[in-house]
N, C-alpha and C. Protein backbone atom coordinates (compact mmCIF):
# COMPACT_ATOMS: atom_id res chain seq x y z
N MET A 1 203.42 -19.95 26.96
CA MET A 1 202.71 -21.14 27.61
C MET A 1 201.25 -20.53 28.45
N ARG A 2 200.37 -21.13 28.24
CA ARG A 2 199.10 -20.71 28.96
C ARG A 2 198.88 -21.24 30.24
N ILE A 3 198.53 -20.70 31.32
CA ILE A 3 198.61 -21.30 32.51
C ILE A 3 197.00 -21.39 32.68
N ILE A 4 196.67 -22.67 33.23
CA ILE A 4 195.39 -22.92 33.52
C ILE A 4 194.96 -23.08 34.85
N LEU A 5 193.95 -22.33 35.63
CA LEU A 5 193.92 -22.36 36.89
C LEU A 5 192.51 -22.68 37.11
N LEU A 6 192.12 -23.20 38.24
CA LEU A 6 190.86 -23.61 38.60
C LEU A 6 190.56 -22.93 39.94
N LEU A 7 189.36 -22.35 40.13
CA LEU A 7 188.99 -21.74 41.58
C LEU A 7 187.71 -22.24 41.60
N LEU A 8 187.21 -22.62 42.85
CA LEU A 8 186.02 -23.44 43.22
C LEU A 8 185.66 -22.36 44.75
N ILE A 9 184.89 -21.35 44.82
CA ILE A 9 184.59 -20.73 46.09
C ILE A 9 183.26 -21.25 46.59
N LEU A 10 182.94 -21.74 47.77
CA LEU A 10 181.89 -22.08 48.22
C LEU A 10 181.25 -21.19 49.16
N ILE A 11 180.11 -21.12 49.15
CA ILE A 11 179.29 -20.27 50.37
C ILE A 11 178.77 -21.19 51.19
N THR A 12 179.08 -21.08 52.70
CA THR A 12 178.58 -21.75 53.75
C THR A 12 177.59 -20.59 54.60
N LEU A 13 176.55 -21.14 54.91
CA LEU A 13 175.82 -20.16 55.38
C LEU A 13 175.14 -20.87 56.85
N PHE A 14 175.37 -20.18 57.98
CA PHE A 14 174.71 -20.81 59.05
C PHE A 14 173.71 -19.51 59.72
N SER A 15 173.18 -20.29 60.64
CA SER A 15 172.08 -19.32 61.34
C SER A 15 171.71 -19.68 62.60
N PRO A 16 171.67 -19.13 63.83
CA PRO A 16 171.57 -19.64 65.22
C PRO A 16 170.20 -20.23 65.52
N ILE A 17 170.27 -20.99 66.43
CA ILE A 17 169.11 -21.49 67.26
C ILE A 17 168.52 -20.12 67.98
N VAL A 18 167.26 -19.81 67.77
CA VAL A 18 166.73 -18.89 68.43
C VAL A 18 165.36 -18.95 68.85
N LEU A 19 164.98 -18.88 70.00
CA LEU A 19 163.57 -19.25 70.42
C LEU A 19 162.79 -18.10 70.94
N ALA A 20 161.73 -17.93 70.71
CA ALA A 20 160.93 -16.83 70.85
C ALA A 20 160.58 -16.56 72.39
N GLU A 21 160.71 -15.38 72.69
CA GLU A 21 160.54 -15.25 74.18
C GLU A 21 158.93 -14.92 74.53
N ASP A 22 158.17 -14.58 73.64
CA ASP A 22 156.83 -14.50 73.45
C ASP A 22 156.17 -15.28 72.47
N ASN A 23 155.47 -16.32 72.42
CA ASN A 23 155.00 -17.12 71.30
C ASN A 23 154.17 -16.17 70.47
N SER A 24 153.42 -15.01 71.01
CA SER A 24 152.79 -14.25 70.07
C SER A 24 153.43 -13.27 69.30
N ASN A 25 154.75 -13.10 69.58
CA ASN A 25 155.64 -12.27 68.81
C ASN A 25 157.06 -12.71 68.50
N PRO A 26 156.99 -14.02 67.84
CA PRO A 26 158.44 -14.59 67.44
C PRO A 26 159.37 -13.88 66.89
N GLN A 27 160.56 -13.79 67.55
CA GLN A 27 161.48 -12.97 67.01
C GLN A 27 162.58 -14.04 66.06
N GLU A 28 162.08 -14.29 65.07
CA GLU A 28 163.18 -15.46 64.31
C GLU A 28 164.14 -14.94 63.60
N ILE A 29 165.36 -15.33 63.68
CA ILE A 29 166.43 -15.06 62.81
C ILE A 29 166.44 -16.02 61.65
N ASP A 30 166.38 -15.53 60.38
CA ASP A 30 166.40 -16.21 58.92
C ASP A 30 167.02 -15.79 58.00
N ILE A 31 168.39 -16.13 57.93
CA ILE A 31 169.37 -15.54 56.99
C ILE A 31 169.54 -16.53 55.73
N SER A 32 169.76 -15.80 54.36
CA SER A 32 170.10 -16.62 53.40
C SER A 32 170.73 -15.92 52.36
N THR A 33 171.46 -16.49 51.56
CA THR A 33 172.16 -16.06 50.45
C THR A 33 171.65 -16.24 49.01
N SER A 34 171.93 -15.51 47.94
CA SER A 34 171.69 -15.75 46.67
C SER A 34 173.15 -15.27 45.89
N PRO A 35 173.53 -16.40 45.29
CA PRO A 35 173.41 -17.84 45.12
C PRO A 35 173.68 -18.30 46.47
N GLY A 36 173.17 -19.57 46.56
CA GLY A 36 173.10 -20.37 48.02
C GLY A 36 174.29 -21.19 48.01
N GLU A 37 175.24 -21.64 47.09
CA GLU A 37 176.24 -22.39 47.54
C GLU A 37 177.58 -21.94 46.71
N ILE A 38 177.56 -22.19 45.63
CA ILE A 38 178.60 -22.19 45.07
C ILE A 38 178.73 -20.63 44.30
N LEU A 39 179.65 -19.81 44.58
CA LEU A 39 179.62 -18.41 44.24
C LEU A 39 180.60 -18.43 42.85
N PHE A 40 181.71 -18.96 43.10
CA PHE A 40 182.74 -19.03 41.66
C PHE A 40 183.00 -20.63 41.39
N ASP A 41 182.83 -20.83 40.16
CA ASP A 41 183.38 -22.35 39.71
C ASP A 41 184.10 -22.19 38.67
N LEU A 42 185.16 -21.78 38.39
CA LEU A 42 186.14 -21.33 37.29
C LEU A 42 187.11 -22.29 36.75
N SER A 43 187.37 -22.22 35.51
CA SER A 43 188.48 -23.01 34.88
C SER A 43 189.09 -22.06 33.78
N ASN A 44 190.09 -22.63 33.32
CA ASN A 44 190.94 -22.10 32.33
C ASN A 44 190.97 -20.61 32.31
N MET A 45 191.51 -20.22 33.51
CA MET A 45 191.99 -18.82 33.78
C MET A 45 193.29 -18.62 33.35
N LYS A 46 193.98 -17.34 33.28
CA LYS A 46 195.02 -17.08 32.99
C LYS A 46 195.43 -15.84 33.88
N PRO A 47 196.85 -15.71 33.97
CA PRO A 47 197.41 -14.56 34.73
C PRO A 47 196.83 -13.27 34.12
N GLY A 48 196.35 -12.56 35.04
CA GLY A 48 195.69 -11.11 34.41
C GLY A 48 194.16 -11.30 34.58
N ASP A 49 193.79 -12.35 34.39
CA ASP A 49 192.25 -12.62 34.39
C ASP A 49 191.67 -12.24 35.95
N SER A 50 190.22 -11.43 35.54
CA SER A 50 189.34 -11.32 36.84
C SER A 50 188.04 -11.58 36.70
N VAL A 51 187.28 -11.87 37.95
CA VAL A 51 186.01 -12.09 37.75
C VAL A 51 185.58 -11.53 38.94
N ASN A 52 184.16 -11.16 38.83
CA ASN A 52 183.41 -10.77 39.66
C ASN A 52 181.92 -11.54 39.87
N ARG A 53 181.44 -11.44 41.01
CA ARG A 53 180.41 -12.06 41.32
C ARG A 53 179.37 -11.18 42.45
N SER A 54 178.09 -11.02 42.26
CA SER A 54 177.28 -10.50 43.27
C SER A 54 176.72 -11.61 44.13
N LEU A 55 176.59 -11.05 45.51
CA LEU A 55 176.25 -12.02 46.57
C LEU A 55 175.31 -11.29 47.42
N SER A 56 174.18 -11.82 47.45
CA SER A 56 172.84 -11.14 48.20
C SER A 56 172.78 -11.78 49.50
N VAL A 57 172.71 -10.96 50.51
CA VAL A 57 172.41 -11.63 52.05
C VAL A 57 171.28 -11.07 52.38
N SER A 58 170.28 -11.82 52.68
CA SER A 58 169.11 -11.40 53.06
C SER A 58 168.52 -11.84 54.45
N ASN A 59 168.01 -10.69 55.00
CA ASN A 59 167.37 -11.10 56.68
C ASN A 59 165.70 -11.45 56.34
N ASN A 60 165.55 -12.37 56.00
CA ASN A 60 164.01 -12.93 55.85
C ASN A 60 163.26 -13.00 57.20
N GLY A 61 164.00 -12.74 58.43
CA GLY A 61 163.03 -12.81 59.61
C GLY A 61 162.64 -11.25 59.93
N ASN A 62 162.15 -11.17 61.03
CA ASN A 62 161.69 -10.02 61.57
C ASN A 62 162.81 -9.35 62.68
N LYS A 63 163.81 -9.94 63.07
CA LYS A 63 164.70 -9.21 63.95
C LYS A 63 165.83 -8.82 63.24
N ASN A 64 166.27 -7.61 63.88
CA ASN A 64 167.75 -7.19 63.26
C ASN A 64 168.97 -7.78 63.73
N PHE A 65 169.69 -8.10 63.23
CA PHE A 65 170.81 -8.74 63.44
C PHE A 65 172.14 -8.27 62.54
N SER A 66 173.47 -8.41 62.82
CA SER A 66 174.72 -8.30 62.40
C SER A 66 175.13 -9.65 61.82
N TYR A 67 175.63 -9.56 60.66
CA TYR A 67 176.39 -10.88 59.93
C TYR A 67 177.69 -10.56 59.70
N ILE A 68 178.45 -11.62 59.74
CA ILE A 68 179.98 -11.44 59.74
C ILE A 68 180.25 -12.58 58.02
N LEU A 69 181.04 -12.13 57.48
CA LEU A 69 181.34 -12.82 55.94
C LEU A 69 182.96 -13.26 56.46
N SER A 70 183.32 -14.44 56.44
CA SER A 70 184.61 -15.04 57.04
C SER A 70 185.27 -15.69 55.59
N ASN A 71 186.56 -15.89 55.68
CA ASN A 71 187.16 -16.97 54.51
C ASN A 71 187.89 -17.77 55.13
N GLU A 72 188.18 -19.05 54.67
CA GLU A 72 188.85 -20.08 54.85
C GLU A 72 189.46 -20.79 53.73
N PHE A 73 190.60 -21.34 53.69
CA PHE A 73 191.39 -22.14 52.85
C PHE A 73 190.70 -23.61 52.79
N LYS A 74 190.31 -24.38 51.94
CA LYS A 74 189.75 -25.55 52.17
C LYS A 74 190.92 -26.66 51.48
N SER A 75 191.51 -26.53 50.36
CA SER A 75 192.17 -27.55 49.75
C SER A 75 192.97 -26.71 48.61
N GLY A 76 193.70 -27.79 47.85
CA GLY A 76 194.28 -27.53 46.58
C GLY A 76 195.91 -26.59 47.33
N ASP A 77 196.32 -25.89 46.13
CA ASP A 77 197.70 -25.36 46.11
C ASP A 77 197.59 -23.88 46.83
N ILE A 78 198.31 -23.92 48.26
CA ILE A 78 198.12 -23.11 49.03
C ILE A 78 199.21 -21.60 48.32
N VAL A 79 199.97 -22.07 47.64
CA VAL A 79 200.92 -21.18 47.07
C VAL A 79 200.24 -20.39 46.16
N PHE A 80 199.38 -21.02 45.30
CA PHE A 80 198.40 -20.18 44.41
C PHE A 80 197.69 -19.39 44.94
N TYR A 81 196.72 -19.77 46.15
CA TYR A 81 195.76 -19.24 46.81
C TYR A 81 196.34 -17.95 47.47
N ASN A 82 197.49 -18.05 48.19
CA ASN A 82 198.41 -16.94 48.45
C ASN A 82 198.39 -15.86 47.54
N GLN A 83 198.50 -16.29 46.31
CA GLN A 83 198.63 -14.95 45.41
C GLN A 83 197.38 -14.32 44.95
N LEU A 84 196.17 -14.62 45.30
CA LEU A 84 195.14 -14.56 44.46
C LEU A 84 194.95 -12.85 45.15
N ASP A 85 194.21 -11.94 44.36
CA ASP A 85 193.81 -10.23 45.20
C ASP A 85 192.18 -10.79 45.43
N LEU A 86 191.82 -10.01 46.26
CA LEU A 86 190.44 -10.03 46.82
C LEU A 86 189.77 -8.39 46.87
N VAL A 87 188.80 -8.25 46.28
CA VAL A 87 188.11 -7.07 46.48
C VAL A 87 186.76 -7.36 46.85
N ILE A 88 186.16 -6.58 47.90
CA ILE A 88 184.65 -6.67 48.43
C ILE A 88 184.01 -5.42 48.52
N LYS A 89 182.95 -5.20 47.96
CA LYS A 89 182.32 -3.77 47.96
C LYS A 89 181.00 -4.04 48.02
N SER A 90 180.44 -2.96 48.64
CA SER A 90 179.20 -2.89 48.88
C SER A 90 178.62 -1.49 48.59
N ASN A 91 177.52 -1.11 47.67
CA ASN A 91 177.19 0.07 47.30
C ASN A 91 178.29 0.86 47.03
N ASN A 92 179.20 0.51 46.12
CA ASN A 92 180.48 1.21 45.61
C ASN A 92 181.31 1.65 46.80
N GLN A 93 181.24 1.04 47.79
CA GLN A 93 182.13 1.37 49.18
C GLN A 93 182.85 0.02 49.32
N ILE A 94 184.13 0.19 49.35
CA ILE A 94 185.12 -0.72 49.42
C ILE A 94 185.23 -1.13 51.01
N LEU A 95 184.84 -2.63 51.04
CA LEU A 95 185.07 -3.18 52.42
C LEU A 95 186.30 -3.83 52.75
N TYR A 96 187.00 -4.37 51.73
CA TYR A 96 188.01 -5.05 52.00
C TYR A 96 189.00 -5.07 50.49
N GLU A 97 189.90 -4.91 50.31
CA GLU A 97 191.05 -4.67 49.26
C GLU A 97 192.24 -5.24 49.63
N GLY A 98 192.74 -6.47 49.00
CA GLY A 98 194.21 -7.05 49.21
C GLY A 98 194.17 -8.37 48.77
N LYS A 99 195.02 -9.21 49.51
CA LYS A 99 195.47 -10.39 49.15
C LYS A 99 194.25 -11.24 49.85
N LEU A 100 193.88 -12.37 49.24
CA LEU A 100 192.89 -13.15 49.69
C LEU A 100 193.18 -13.95 50.94
N ASN A 101 194.22 -14.46 51.07
CA ASN A 101 194.69 -15.18 52.20
C ASN A 101 195.08 -14.33 53.31
N LYS A 102 195.09 -12.89 53.36
CA LYS A 102 195.12 -12.00 54.51
C LYS A 102 193.46 -11.67 54.97
N PHE A 103 192.58 -11.94 53.99
CA PHE A 103 191.27 -11.55 54.47
C PHE A 103 190.58 -12.81 55.27
N LYS A 104 190.42 -12.37 56.70
CA LYS A 104 189.74 -13.18 57.78
C LYS A 104 188.27 -13.27 58.00
N GLU A 105 187.88 -11.95 57.96
CA GLU A 105 186.60 -11.69 58.08
C GLU A 105 186.23 -10.19 57.99
N LEU A 106 184.80 -10.07 57.39
CA LEU A 106 184.55 -8.51 57.59
C LEU A 106 184.21 -7.98 58.89
N GLU A 107 183.89 -6.92 59.35
CA GLU A 107 183.45 -6.23 60.26
C GLU A 107 181.90 -6.64 60.49
N PRO A 108 181.42 -6.84 61.43
CA PRO A 108 179.97 -7.15 61.58
C PRO A 108 179.08 -6.11 60.58
N ARG A 109 178.10 -6.51 59.83
CA ARG A 109 177.28 -5.86 58.89
C ARG A 109 175.84 -5.87 59.39
N LEU A 110 175.48 -4.73 59.83
CA LEU A 110 173.87 -4.76 60.65
C LEU A 110 172.84 -4.75 59.32
N LEU A 111 171.92 -6.02 59.42
CA LEU A 111 170.97 -6.13 58.41
C LEU A 111 169.54 -6.19 59.13
N ASN A 112 168.77 -5.17 58.70
CA ASN A 112 167.27 -4.97 59.61
C ASN A 112 166.62 -5.96 58.92
N GLY A 113 165.56 -6.22 59.80
CA GLY A 113 164.33 -7.21 59.13
C GLY A 113 163.84 -7.10 58.06
N LYS A 114 163.77 -8.12 57.02
CA LYS A 114 163.14 -8.19 55.77
C LYS A 114 164.10 -7.26 54.72
N LYS A 115 165.16 -7.42 55.03
CA LYS A 115 166.26 -6.35 54.24
C LYS A 115 167.00 -7.30 53.56
N ASN A 116 167.79 -6.72 52.82
CA ASN A 116 168.97 -7.56 52.05
C ASN A 116 170.12 -6.67 51.76
N GLU A 117 171.28 -6.97 51.78
CA GLU A 117 172.49 -6.25 51.27
C GLU A 117 173.22 -7.13 50.19
N ASN A 118 173.60 -6.36 48.93
CA ASN A 118 174.16 -7.19 47.91
C ASN A 118 175.73 -6.69 47.93
N LEU A 119 176.38 -7.83 48.29
CA LEU A 119 178.13 -7.63 48.03
C LEU A 119 178.64 -7.89 46.56
N MET A 120 179.64 -7.43 46.37
CA MET A 120 180.32 -7.59 44.85
C MET A 120 181.46 -8.06 45.50
N LEU A 121 182.03 -9.22 44.94
CA LEU A 121 183.27 -9.87 45.27
C LEU A 121 183.90 -9.93 43.81
N PHE A 122 185.26 -9.58 43.98
CA PHE A 122 186.20 -9.24 42.69
C PHE A 122 187.53 -10.21 43.21
N ILE A 123 187.70 -11.32 42.36
CA ILE A 123 189.04 -12.03 42.28
C ILE A 123 189.83 -11.85 41.12
N LYS A 124 191.09 -11.72 41.63
CA LYS A 124 192.24 -11.49 40.34
C LYS A 124 193.31 -12.21 40.47
N ILE A 125 193.77 -12.90 39.35
CA ILE A 125 195.12 -13.55 39.29
C ILE A 125 195.75 -12.66 38.77
N PRO A 126 196.88 -12.36 39.64
CA PRO A 126 197.97 -11.37 39.41
C PRO A 126 198.64 -11.78 38.06
N ILE A 127 198.89 -10.64 37.32
CA ILE A 127 199.37 -10.85 35.92
C ILE A 127 200.81 -11.32 35.79
N GLU A 128 201.60 -10.91 36.88
CA GLU A 128 203.13 -11.48 36.93
C GLU A 128 203.22 -12.85 37.17
N LEU A 129 202.08 -14.01 37.68
CA LEU A 129 202.58 -15.20 37.89
C LEU A 129 202.86 -15.80 36.65
N GLY A 130 204.07 -16.64 36.83
CA GLY A 130 204.79 -17.32 35.81
C GLY A 130 204.23 -18.69 35.69
N ASN A 131 205.02 -19.49 34.82
CA ASN A 131 204.79 -21.18 34.42
C ASN A 131 204.56 -22.02 35.62
N GLU A 132 205.29 -21.55 36.74
CA GLU A 132 205.28 -22.38 37.90
C GLU A 132 203.67 -22.81 38.23
N PHE A 133 202.98 -21.67 37.91
CA PHE A 133 201.65 -21.81 38.44
C PHE A 133 200.72 -22.44 37.61
N GLN A 134 201.25 -23.06 36.67
CA GLN A 134 200.37 -23.86 35.66
C GLN A 134 199.74 -25.06 36.05
N GLY A 135 198.47 -25.22 35.96
CA GLY A 135 197.82 -26.27 36.09
C GLY A 135 196.79 -26.33 37.64
N LEU A 136 197.62 -25.15 38.34
CA LEU A 136 197.31 -25.10 39.90
C LEU A 136 195.86 -24.76 40.19
N GLU A 137 195.15 -25.37 41.34
CA GLU A 137 194.01 -25.23 41.55
C GLU A 137 193.79 -24.55 43.29
N SER A 138 192.76 -24.14 43.53
CA SER A 138 192.53 -23.83 45.06
C SER A 138 190.97 -24.05 45.30
N ASP A 139 190.76 -24.45 46.19
CA ASP A 139 189.42 -24.31 46.86
C ASP A 139 189.56 -23.75 48.28
N PHE A 140 188.55 -22.70 48.43
CA PHE A 140 188.44 -22.01 49.58
C PHE A 140 186.96 -21.59 49.70
N GLN A 141 186.53 -21.29 50.90
CA GLN A 141 185.08 -21.07 51.24
C GLN A 141 184.68 -19.80 52.17
N PHE A 142 183.75 -19.15 51.65
CA PHE A 142 183.25 -17.90 52.58
C PHE A 142 182.12 -18.41 53.44
N ASN A 143 182.22 -18.03 54.68
CA ASN A 143 181.02 -18.66 55.46
C ASN A 143 180.63 -17.40 56.02
N ILE A 144 179.21 -17.31 56.17
CA ILE A 144 178.18 -16.19 56.68
C ILE A 144 177.51 -16.77 57.83
N TYR A 145 177.60 -16.06 59.02
CA TYR A 145 177.11 -16.15 60.01
C TYR A 145 176.60 -15.14 60.88
N VAL A 146 175.86 -15.25 61.73
CA VAL A 146 175.14 -14.22 62.25
C VAL A 146 175.96 -13.78 63.82
N GLU A 147 176.42 -12.68 63.79
CA GLU A 147 177.23 -12.46 64.78
C GLU A 147 176.81 -12.84 66.31
N GLY A 148 177.95 -13.49 67.09
CA GLY A 148 177.93 -13.84 68.21
C GLY A 148 177.49 -15.44 68.43
N THR A 149 177.25 -16.23 67.22
CA THR A 149 176.68 -17.44 67.12
C THR A 149 177.77 -18.64 66.62
N LEU A 150 178.97 -18.07 66.30
CA LEU A 150 179.97 -18.96 65.78
C LEU A 150 180.34 -20.12 66.48
N GLY A 151 180.13 -19.93 67.82
CA GLY A 151 180.22 -21.53 68.44
C GLY A 151 179.27 -22.26 68.53
N GLY A 152 178.11 -22.02 68.10
CA GLY A 152 177.01 -22.77 68.06
C GLY A 152 175.74 -22.48 66.98
N VAL A 153 176.37 -23.40 65.73
CA VAL A 153 175.33 -22.53 64.64
C VAL A 153 174.47 -23.88 64.20
N LEU A 154 173.49 -23.63 63.41
CA LEU A 154 172.81 -24.62 62.64
C LEU A 154 172.95 -24.36 61.19
N PRO A 155 172.60 -25.33 60.28
CA PRO A 155 172.10 -24.63 58.93
C PRO A 155 171.14 -24.05 58.92
N VAL A 156 170.97 -22.98 58.01
CA VAL A 156 170.00 -22.10 58.14
C VAL A 156 168.49 -22.67 57.77
N ASP A 157 168.33 -23.92 57.21
CA ASP A 157 167.33 -24.49 56.78
C ASP A 157 166.81 -25.13 58.07
N ASN A 158 167.41 -25.35 59.20
CA ASN A 158 166.80 -26.12 60.31
C ASN A 158 166.38 -25.03 61.15
N LYS A 159 165.18 -25.13 61.29
CA LYS A 159 164.57 -24.07 62.45
C LYS A 159 163.97 -24.91 63.51
N LEU A 160 163.92 -24.60 64.57
CA LEU A 160 163.18 -25.10 65.72
C LEU A 160 161.85 -24.32 66.27
N PRO A 161 161.16 -25.15 66.56
CA PRO A 161 159.66 -24.59 67.04
C PRO A 161 159.93 -23.71 68.45
N THR A 162 158.93 -22.91 68.54
CA THR A 162 159.17 -22.00 69.73
C THR A 162 158.83 -22.83 70.96
N THR A 163 158.25 -23.92 70.95
CA THR A 163 157.93 -24.66 72.21
C THR A 163 159.05 -25.54 72.50
N GLY A 164 160.26 -25.28 71.91
CA GLY A 164 161.24 -26.23 72.01
C GLY A 164 162.06 -26.00 73.63
N SER A 165 161.83 -24.71 74.33
CA SER A 165 162.24 -24.48 75.58
C SER A 165 161.99 -25.33 76.46
N GLU A 166 160.32 -25.50 76.32
CA GLU A 166 160.01 -26.38 77.64
C GLU A 166 160.13 -27.69 77.56
N MET A 167 160.25 -28.34 76.21
CA MET A 167 160.83 -29.59 75.96
C MET A 167 162.10 -29.80 76.53
N PHE A 168 163.04 -28.93 76.26
CA PHE A 168 164.66 -29.13 76.48
C PHE A 168 164.72 -29.02 78.14
N ASN A 169 163.94 -28.26 78.63
CA ASN A 169 163.71 -28.18 80.36
C ASN A 169 163.37 -29.55 80.91
N LEU A 170 162.03 -30.16 80.47
CA LEU A 170 161.82 -31.48 80.74
C LEU A 170 162.90 -32.45 80.52
N LEU A 171 163.78 -32.44 79.51
CA LEU A 171 164.61 -33.48 79.00
C LEU A 171 165.88 -33.58 80.12
N ALA A 172 166.18 -32.09 80.28
CA ALA A 172 167.35 -31.88 81.25
C ALA A 172 167.05 -32.37 82.59
N ALA A 173 166.08 -32.05 83.08
CA ALA A 173 165.32 -32.54 84.39
C ALA A 173 165.50 -34.06 84.54
N GLY A 174 164.97 -34.66 83.54
CA GLY A 174 164.62 -36.03 83.64
C GLY A 174 165.94 -36.75 83.38
N ALA A 175 167.17 -36.26 82.67
CA ALA A 175 167.97 -36.85 82.63
C ALA A 175 169.01 -36.67 84.05
N ALA A 176 169.10 -35.48 84.91
CA ALA A 176 169.35 -35.17 86.34
C ALA A 176 169.00 -36.17 86.87
N ILE A 177 167.89 -36.06 87.01
CA ILE A 177 166.97 -37.63 88.15
C ILE A 177 167.51 -38.64 87.79
N LEU A 178 167.64 -39.13 86.54
CA LEU A 178 168.44 -40.62 86.21
C LEU A 178 169.75 -40.67 86.62
N LEU A 179 170.40 -39.66 86.44
CA LEU A 179 172.07 -39.62 86.94
C LEU A 179 171.85 -39.53 88.47
N ALA A 180 171.00 -39.04 89.42
CA ALA A 180 171.16 -39.20 90.52
C ALA A 180 170.49 -40.39 91.04
N GLY A 181 169.69 -41.18 90.44
CA GLY A 181 169.19 -42.33 90.63
C GLY A 181 170.26 -43.40 90.43
N LEU A 182 171.17 -43.43 89.38
CA LEU A 182 172.31 -44.26 89.11
C LEU A 182 173.22 -44.13 90.30
N ILE A 183 173.48 -42.95 90.59
CA ILE A 183 174.51 -42.88 91.56
C ILE A 183 174.33 -43.39 93.16
N LEU A 184 172.82 -43.03 93.33
CA LEU A 184 172.48 -43.73 94.46
C LEU A 184 172.30 -45.31 94.74
N PHE A 185 172.16 -45.78 93.67
CA PHE A 185 171.91 -47.29 93.25
C PHE A 185 173.39 -47.76 93.42
N ALA A 186 174.21 -47.07 92.83
CA ALA A 186 175.74 -47.75 92.92
C ALA A 186 176.18 -47.53 94.51
N TYR A 187 175.99 -46.49 94.97
CA TYR A 187 176.18 -46.25 96.47
C TYR A 187 175.68 -47.46 97.43
N VAL A 188 174.43 -47.63 97.31
CA VAL A 188 173.59 -48.64 98.08
C VAL A 188 174.22 -50.12 97.76
N LYS A 189 174.48 -50.45 96.72
CA LYS A 189 174.97 -51.61 96.28
C LYS A 189 176.26 -51.87 96.74
N ARG A 190 177.13 -50.77 96.56
CA ARG A 190 178.43 -50.84 97.33
C ARG A 190 178.21 -50.96 98.74
N LYS A 191 177.58 -50.30 99.35
CA LYS A 191 177.39 -50.51 100.76
C LYS A 191 176.83 -52.02 101.23
N LYS A 192 176.07 -52.57 100.53
CA LYS A 192 175.56 -53.92 100.94
C LYS A 192 176.89 -55.02 100.75
N LEU A 193 177.89 -54.64 99.71
CA LEU A 193 178.95 -55.56 99.57
C LEU A 193 180.00 -55.24 100.67
N ASP A 194 179.98 -54.02 101.09
CA ASP A 194 180.84 -53.80 102.35
C ASP A 194 180.47 -54.40 103.56
N THR A 195 179.19 -54.59 103.57
CA THR A 195 178.80 -54.93 104.96
C THR A 195 178.64 -56.62 105.12
N LYS A 196 178.90 -57.22 103.69
CA LYS A 196 178.75 -58.60 103.64
C LYS A 196 180.06 -59.15 103.86
N ARG A 197 181.27 -58.34 103.70
CA ARG A 197 182.58 -58.91 104.09
C ARG A 197 182.72 -58.81 105.13
N PRO A 198 183.90 -59.90 105.70
CA PRO A 198 184.09 -60.37 107.07
C PRO A 198 185.00 -59.32 107.59
């Protein structure tokens, strides 16, 4: 009996908010991938089948940075996901080889400004899988982000102007003044109520 399997692997790309220190020489971080979203969308696969895809990571900005490729299971059959094999290469150098579910993230990869790196990703369905895996599917996602930005990231297409730092300072100062005014108002009102009581 033929086993039919479905893999859907998404690429999610994140880039940090970076404001220029000097408006005349902006240090913009701009990262992109090709393909942009879906890397694998496969069906009718059987044990022993393998597929490979090329993923190009580009630094379109003028500032050097290190990026990280990570992996997470999204949905579907975790038992099937746990069986998949993964190999990641760059320039014929193996960066990772093993079970997909054991791959959490690559070590940071330096990418100079205006440069790109091509990664080759190989997914294999072990030939020894039996009929109990028939019809199973699994969705998992590779995330790419600039090192040090995982806690606060924006989609790569969202870029902020370099003048944003002054506006943010004004808004923060205004919010602080408003909060102090509200506290003072509540204090004065309570004081008046206390003096009116017998």
